[in-house]
Amino acid sequence: MWSWIGPFLVYYFTVHGVHATNAITAGNMLASFIIMLGGIASYLGGKASDRFGRGTTSTWFLMTSISCSVVIGWLTSLPIAFMVILLIVYGFSIIADSPIYSTAISEVTDPELTGLALGIQSIVGFSTTIFAPLLFGFILDYYSWGAAFTTIGLLTLIAPICMIAFKRIEKTPVT
């Protein structure tokens, strides 16, 4: 999402009749704002997981971001105000679960294996961020924004499946 949201918004504003130069400015400024929400989202996501549990909270954020991903690229005719709301939800939910994974792994892994487990989690996470934008671009070149966002969303469905399995070993949240 992060690497493609700026270009998508430039396209979106262009479709809405904004002059190219202004579309570039507006698209990238809005994308920057959405990305900057990540700091707040990470904090609030972590706090929510403290209260409601790591598995439940991360699954909720995952399903929200997947839902946004599946629809956003098809909604280029959506009025700007509604697109901004959708983008805020998408941007927030896509990053709010990030701090939860490291914490969850640390809580359920044997202490002598915590470093290895966190290392594997980092490799999987960073590998995904390397290859997902390439796949997105390939699909965009041959199909559409909708197809590209939907594909990334559908491929992400593996994560909630993993979190369902995680809930079986998760420790009870502190409320």
C-alpha atoms as a PDB file:
ATOM      1  CA  MET A   1       0.000   0.000   0.000  1.00  0.00           C
ATOM      2  CA  TRP A   2       2.654   2.503   1.014  1.00  0.00           C
ATOM      3  CA  SER A   3       4.631   2.499  -2.204  1.00  0.00           C
ATOM      4  CA  TRP A   4       1.556   2.742  -4.438  1.00  0.00           C
ATOM      5  CA  ILE A   5      -0.818   5.022  -2.545  1.00  0.00           C
ATOM      6  CA  GLY A   6       0.820   8.220  -3.860  1.00  0.00           C
ATOM      7  CA  PRO A   7       0.642   7.214  -7.540  1.00  0.00           C
ATOM      8  CA  PHE A   8      -2.887   5.919  -7.025  1.00  0.00           C
ATOM      9  CA  LEU A   9      -3.984   9.238  -5.556  1.00  0.00           C
ATOM     10  CA  VAL A  10      -2.371  11.176  -8.409  1.00  0.00           C
ATOM     11  CA  TYR A  11      -4.391   8.992 -10.786  1.00  0.00           C
ATOM     12  CA  TYR A  12      -7.503   9.435  -8.649  1.00  0.00           C
ATOM     13  CA  PHE A  13      -7.254  13.237  -8.644  1.00  0.00           C
ATOM     14  CA  THR A  14      -6.578  13.250 -12.387  1.00  0.00           C
ATOM     15  CA  VAL A  15      -9.741  11.180 -12.958  1.00  0.00           C
ATOM     16  CA  HIS A  16     -11.599  13.815 -10.938  1.00  0.00           C
ATOM     17  CA  GLY A  17     -10.486  16.545 -13.327  1.00  0.00           C
ATOM     18  CA  VAL A  18      -7.655  18.007 -11.287  1.00  0.00           C
ATOM     19  CA  HIS A  19      -4.886  19.430 -13.501  1.00  0.00           C
ATOM     20  CA  ALA A  20      -1.833  17.127 -13.640  1.00  0.00           C
ATOM     21  CA  THR A  21       0.464  19.402 -11.618  1.00  0.00           C
ATOM     22  CA  ASN A  22      -2.146  19.899  -8.919  1.00  0.00           C
ATOM     23  CA  ALA A  23      -3.027  16.175  -8.973  1.00  0.00           C
ATOM     24  CA  ILE A  24       0.619  15.324  -8.307  1.00  0.00           C
ATOM     25  CA  THR A  25       0.738  17.764  -5.392  1.00  0.00           C
ATOM     26  CA  ALA A  26      -2.633  16.785  -3.914  1.00  0.00           C
ATOM     27  CA  GLY A  27      -2.065  13.049  -4.384  1.00  0.00           C
ATOM     28  CA  ASN A  28       1.337  13.031  -2.766  1.00  0.00           C
ATOM     29  CA  MET A  29       0.351  15.377   0.064  1.00  0.00           C
ATOM     30  CA  LEU A  30      -2.650  13.220   0.929  1.00  0.00           C
ATOM     31  CA  ALA A  31      -0.532  10.063   0.658  1.00  0.00           C
ATOM     32  CA  SER A  32       2.031  11.615   3.035  1.00  0.00           C
ATOM     33  CA  PHE A  33      -0.705  12.439   5.532  1.00  0.00           C
ATOM     34  CA  ILE A  34      -2.100   8.897   5.354  1.00  0.00           C
ATOM     35  CA  ILE A  35       1.368   7.424   5.863  1.00  0.00           C
ATOM     36  CA  MET A  36       2.066   9.752   8.794  1.00  0.00           C
ATOM     37  CA  LEU A  37      -1.011   8.383  10.555  1.00  0.00           C
ATOM     38  CA  GLY A  38       1.075   5.241  10.982  1.00  0.00           C
ATOM     39  CA  GLY A  39       2.766   6.535  14.126  1.00  0.00           C
ATOM     40  CA  ILE A  40      -0.537   7.134  15.873  1.00  0.00           C
ATOM     41  CA  ALA A  41      -1.998   3.917  14.473  1.00  0.00           C
ATOM     42  CA  SER A  42       0.918   1.846  15.783  1.00  0.00           C
ATOM     43  CA  TYR A  43       0.535   3.272  19.262  1.00  0.00           C
ATOM     44  CA  LEU A  44      -3.248   2.854  19.360  1.00  0.00           C
ATOM     45  CA  GLY A  45      -3.058  -0.612  17.807  1.00  0.00           C
ATOM     46  CA  GLY A  46      -0.619  -1.704  20.487  1.00  0.00           C
ATOM     47  CA  LYS A  47      -2.803  -0.268  23.243  1.00  0.00           C
ATOM     48  CA  ALA A  48      -5.893  -1.987  21.785  1.00  0.00           C
ATOM     49  CA  SER A  49      -4.051  -5.309  21.711  1.00  0.00           C
ATOM     50  CA  ASP A  50      -3.141  -4.884  25.381  1.00  0.00           C
ATOM     51  CA  ARG A  51      -6.832  -4.625  26.165  1.00  0.00           C
ATOM     52  CA  PHE A  52      -8.499  -6.995  23.679  1.00  0.00           C
ATOM     53  CA  GLY A  53      -5.731  -9.497  22.979  1.00  0.00           C
ATOM     54  CA  ARG A  54      -3.074  -9.689  20.282  1.00  0.00           C
ATOM     55  CA  GLY A  55      -4.867 -12.171  18.044  1.00  0.00           C
ATOM     56  CA  THR A  56      -8.269 -10.513  18.164  1.00  0.00           C
ATOM     57  CA  THR A  57      -6.926  -7.001  17.632  1.00  0.00           C
ATOM     58  CA  SER A  58      -4.546  -7.880  14.809  1.00  0.00           C
ATOM     59  CA  THR A  59      -7.247  -9.926  13.063  1.00  0.00           C
ATOM     60  CA  TRP A  60      -9.651  -6.992  13.258  1.00  0.00           C
ATOM     61  CA  PHE A  61      -7.064  -4.598  11.765  1.00  0.00           C
ATOM     62  CA  LEU A  62      -6.079  -7.153   9.126  1.00  0.00           C
ATOM     63  CA  MET A  63      -9.653  -7.740   7.997  1.00  0.00           C
ATOM     64  CA  THR A  64     -10.316  -4.000   7.906  1.00  0.00           C
ATOM     65  CA  SER A  65      -7.229  -3.282   5.792  1.00  0.00           C
ATOM     66  CA  ILE A  66      -7.901  -6.271   3.516  1.00  0.00           C
ATOM     67  CA  SER A  67     -11.468  -5.054   2.973  1.00  0.00           C
ATOM     68  CA  CYS A  68     -10.198  -1.580   2.108  1.00  0.00           C
ATOM     69  CA  SER A  69      -7.579  -3.027  -0.234  1.00  0.00           C
ATOM     70  CA  VAL A  70     -10.107  -5.153  -2.078  1.00  0.00           C
ATOM     71  CA  VAL A  71     -12.395  -2.188  -2.816  1.00  0.00           C
ATOM     72  CA  ILE A  72     -10.279   0.966  -2.974  1.00  0.00           C
ATOM     73  CA  GLY A  73      -8.843   0.564  -6.464  1.00  0.00           C
ATOM     74  CA  TRP A  74     -12.312   0.078  -7.937  1.00  0.00           C
ATOM     75  CA  LEU A  75     -13.699   3.250  -6.342  1.00  0.00           C
ATOM     76  CA  THR A  76     -12.010   5.927  -8.431  1.00  0.00           C
ATOM     77  CA  SER A  77     -15.408   7.570  -9.039  1.00  0.00           C
ATOM     78  CA  LEU A  78     -16.004   7.928  -5.291  1.00  0.00           C
ATOM     79  CA  PRO A  79     -16.335  11.576  -4.197  1.00  0.00           C
ATOM     80  CA  ILE A  80     -13.128  12.991  -2.738  1.00  0.00           C
ATOM     81  CA  ALA A  81     -14.481  13.359   0.824  1.00  0.00           C
ATOM     82  CA  PHE A  82     -15.492   9.688   0.934  1.00  0.00           C
ATOM     83  CA  MET A  83     -12.172   8.590  -0.577  1.00  0.00           C
ATOM     84  CA  VAL A  84     -10.304  10.525   2.118  1.00  0.00           C
ATOM     85  CA  ILE A  85     -12.332   8.775   4.842  1.00  0.00           C
ATOM     86  CA  LEU A  86     -11.683   5.379   3.233  1.00  0.00           C
ATOM     87  CA  LEU A  87      -7.975   6.195   2.963  1.00  0.00           C
ATOM     88  CA  ILE A  88      -7.771   7.181   6.624  1.00  0.00           C
ATOM     89  CA  VAL A  89      -9.375   3.883   7.642  1.00  0.00           C
ATOM     90  CA  TYR A  90      -7.102   1.983   5.230  1.00  0.00           C
ATOM     91  CA  GLY A  91      -3.935   3.785   6.253  1.00  0.00           C
ATOM     92  CA  PHE A  92      -4.701   3.396   9.943  1.00  0.00           C
ATOM     93  CA  SER A  93      -5.689  -0.259   9.808  1.00  0.00           C
ATOM     94  CA  ILE A  94      -2.829  -1.362   7.583  1.00  0.00           C
ATOM     95  CA  ILE A  95      -0.185  -0.264  10.091  1.00  0.00           C
ATOM     96  CA  ALA A  96      -1.998  -0.500  13.454  1.00  0.00           C
ATOM     97  CA  ASP A  97      -1.217  -4.208  13.734  1.00  0.00           C
ATOM     98  CA  SER A  98       2.525  -3.855  13.137  1.00  0.00           C
ATOM     99  CA  PRO A  99       3.714  -3.554  16.757  1.00  0.00           C
ATOM    100  CA  ILE A 100       1.405  -6.359  17.804  1.00  0.00           C
ATOM    101  CA  TYR A 101       3.364  -9.092  16.011  1.00  0.00           C
ATOM    102  CA  SER A 102       6.706  -8.529  17.722  1.00  0.00           C
ATOM    103  CA  THR A 103       5.017  -8.309  21.100  1.00  0.00           C
ATOM    104  CA  ALA A 104       2.936 -11.418  20.461  1.00  0.00           C
ATOM    105  CA  ILE A 105       5.959 -13.424  19.342  1.00  0.00           C
ATOM    106  CA  SER A 106       7.908 -12.316  22.409  1.00  0.00           C
ATOM    107  CA  GLU A 107       5.067 -13.357  24.696  1.00  0.00           C
ATOM    108  CA  VAL A 108       4.560 -16.886  23.351  1.00  0.00           C
ATOM    109  CA  THR A 109       8.076 -17.909  22.326  1.00  0.00           C
ATOM    110  CA  ASP A 110      10.467 -19.729  24.633  1.00  0.00           C
ATOM    111  CA  PRO A 111      13.003 -17.162  25.871  1.00  0.00           C
ATOM    112  CA  GLU A 112      15.970 -18.973  24.270  1.00  0.00           C
ATOM    113  CA  LEU A 113      14.233 -18.833  20.859  1.00  0.00           C
ATOM    114  CA  THR A 114      12.853 -15.287  20.975  1.00  0.00           C
ATOM    115  CA  GLY A 115      15.680 -13.787  18.901  1.00  0.00           C
ATOM    116  CA  LEU A 116      15.330 -16.434  16.204  1.00  0.00           C
ATOM    117  CA  ALA A 117      11.534 -16.060  16.128  1.00  0.00           C
ATOM    118  CA  LEU A 118      11.754 -12.269  15.827  1.00  0.00           C
ATOM    119  CA  GLY A 119      14.393 -12.631  13.123  1.00  0.00           C
ATOM    120  CA  ILE A 120      12.152 -14.934  11.096  1.00  0.00           C
ATOM    121  CA  GLN A 121       9.246 -12.524  11.556  1.00  0.00           C
ATOM    122  CA  SER A 122      11.418  -9.669  10.273  1.00  0.00           C
ATOM    123  CA  ILE A 123      12.579 -11.651   7.246  1.00  0.00           C
ATOM    124  CA  VAL A 124       9.012 -12.584   6.311  1.00  0.00           C
ATOM    125  CA  GLY A 125       7.786  -9.027   6.840  1.00  0.00           C
ATOM    126  CA  PHE A 126      10.570  -7.322   4.912  1.00  0.00           C
ATOM    127  CA  SER A 127      10.416  -9.899   2.110  1.00  0.00           C
ATOM    128  CA  THR A 128       6.747  -9.156   1.702  1.00  0.00           C
ATOM    129  CA  THR A 129       7.448  -5.427   1.474  1.00  0.00           C
ATOM    130  CA  ILE A 130      10.032  -6.101  -1.226  1.00  0.00           C
ATOM    131  CA  PHE A 131       7.958  -8.343  -3.470  1.00  0.00           C
ATOM    132  CA  ALA A 132       4.423  -6.986  -2.987  1.00  0.00           C
ATOM    133  CA  PRO A 133       5.131  -3.663  -4.763  1.00  0.00           C
ATOM    134  CA  LEU A 134       6.647  -5.557  -7.712  1.00  0.00           C
ATOM    135  CA  LEU A 135       3.592  -7.773  -7.999  1.00  0.00           C
ATOM    136  CA  PHE A 136       1.320  -4.747  -7.615  1.00  0.00           C
ATOM    137  CA  GLY A 137       3.122  -2.925 -10.432  1.00  0.00           C
ATOM    138  CA  PHE A 138       2.976  -5.950 -12.718  1.00  0.00           C
ATOM    139  CA  ILE A 139      -0.766  -6.331 -12.176  1.00  0.00           C
ATOM    140  CA  LEU A 140      -1.310  -2.591 -12.606  1.00  0.00           C
ATOM    141  CA  ASP A 141       0.559  -2.640 -15.939  1.00  0.00           C
ATOM    142  CA  TYR A 142      -1.562  -5.454 -17.321  1.00  0.00           C
ATOM    143  CA  TYR A 143      -4.919  -4.890 -15.625  1.00  0.00           C
ATOM    144  CA  SER A 144      -6.020  -2.008 -13.391  1.00  0.00           C
ATOM    145  CA  TRP A 145      -5.729  -0.268 -10.041  1.00  0.00           C
ATOM    146  CA  GLY A 146      -8.662  -2.317  -8.802  1.00  0.00           C
ATOM    147  CA  ALA A 147      -7.071  -5.609  -9.801  1.00  0.00           C
ATOM    148  CA  ALA A 148      -3.732  -4.634  -8.230  1.00  0.00           C
ATOM    149  CA  PHE A 149      -5.181  -3.566  -4.869  1.00  0.00           C
ATOM    150  CA  THR A 150      -7.555  -6.544  -4.809  1.00  0.00           C
ATOM    151  CA  THR A 151      -4.740  -9.019  -5.487  1.00  0.00           C
ATOM    152  CA  ILE A 152      -2.633  -7.640  -2.646  1.00  0.00           C
ATOM    153  CA  GLY A 153      -5.660  -7.735  -0.345  1.00  0.00           C
ATOM    154  CA  LEU A 154      -6.513 -11.311  -1.232  1.00  0.00           C
ATOM    155  CA  LEU A 155      -2.912 -12.480  -0.813  1.00  0.00           C
ATOM    156  CA  THR A 156      -2.943 -10.941   2.644  1.00  0.00           C
ATOM    157  CA  LEU A 157      -5.763 -13.286   3.710  1.00  0.00           C
ATOM    158  CA  ILE A 158      -3.079 -15.709   4.893  1.00  0.00           C
ATOM    159  CA  ALA A 159      -2.372 -13.372   7.829  1.00  0.00           C
ATOM    160  CA  PRO A 160      -5.787 -13.620   9.550  1.00  0.00           C
ATOM    161  CA  ILE A 161      -5.623 -17.394   9.097  1.00  0.00           C
ATOM    162  CA  CYS A 162      -2.305 -17.368  10.932  1.00  0.00           C
ATOM    163  CA  MET A 163      -3.768 -15.170  13.663  1.00  0.00           C
ATOM    164  CA  ILE A 164      -6.643 -17.615  14.196  1.00  0.00           C
ATOM    165  CA  ALA A 165      -4.022 -20.291  14.845  1.00  0.00           C
ATOM    166  CA  PHE A 166      -2.122 -17.865  17.096  1.00  0.00           C
ATOM    167  CA  LYS A 167      -5.217 -17.282  19.259  1.00  0.00           C
ATOM    168  CA  ARG A 168      -4.955 -20.901  20.402  1.00  0.00           C
ATOM    169  CA  ILE A 169      -1.660 -20.198  22.164  1.00  0.00           C
ATOM    170  CA  GLU A 170      -2.154 -16.527  23.033  1.00  0.00           C
ATOM    171  CA  LYS A 171      -1.988 -15.455  26.646  1.00  0.00           C
ATOM    172  CA  THR A 172      -5.024 -13.791  28.166  1.00  0.00           C
ATOM    173  CA  PRO A 173      -4.972  -9.986  27.722  1.00  0.00           C
ATOM    174  CA  VAL A 174      -4.606  -7.703  30.709  1.00  0.00           C
ATOM    175  CA  THR A 175      -7.666  -5.453  31.036  1.00  0.00           C
END
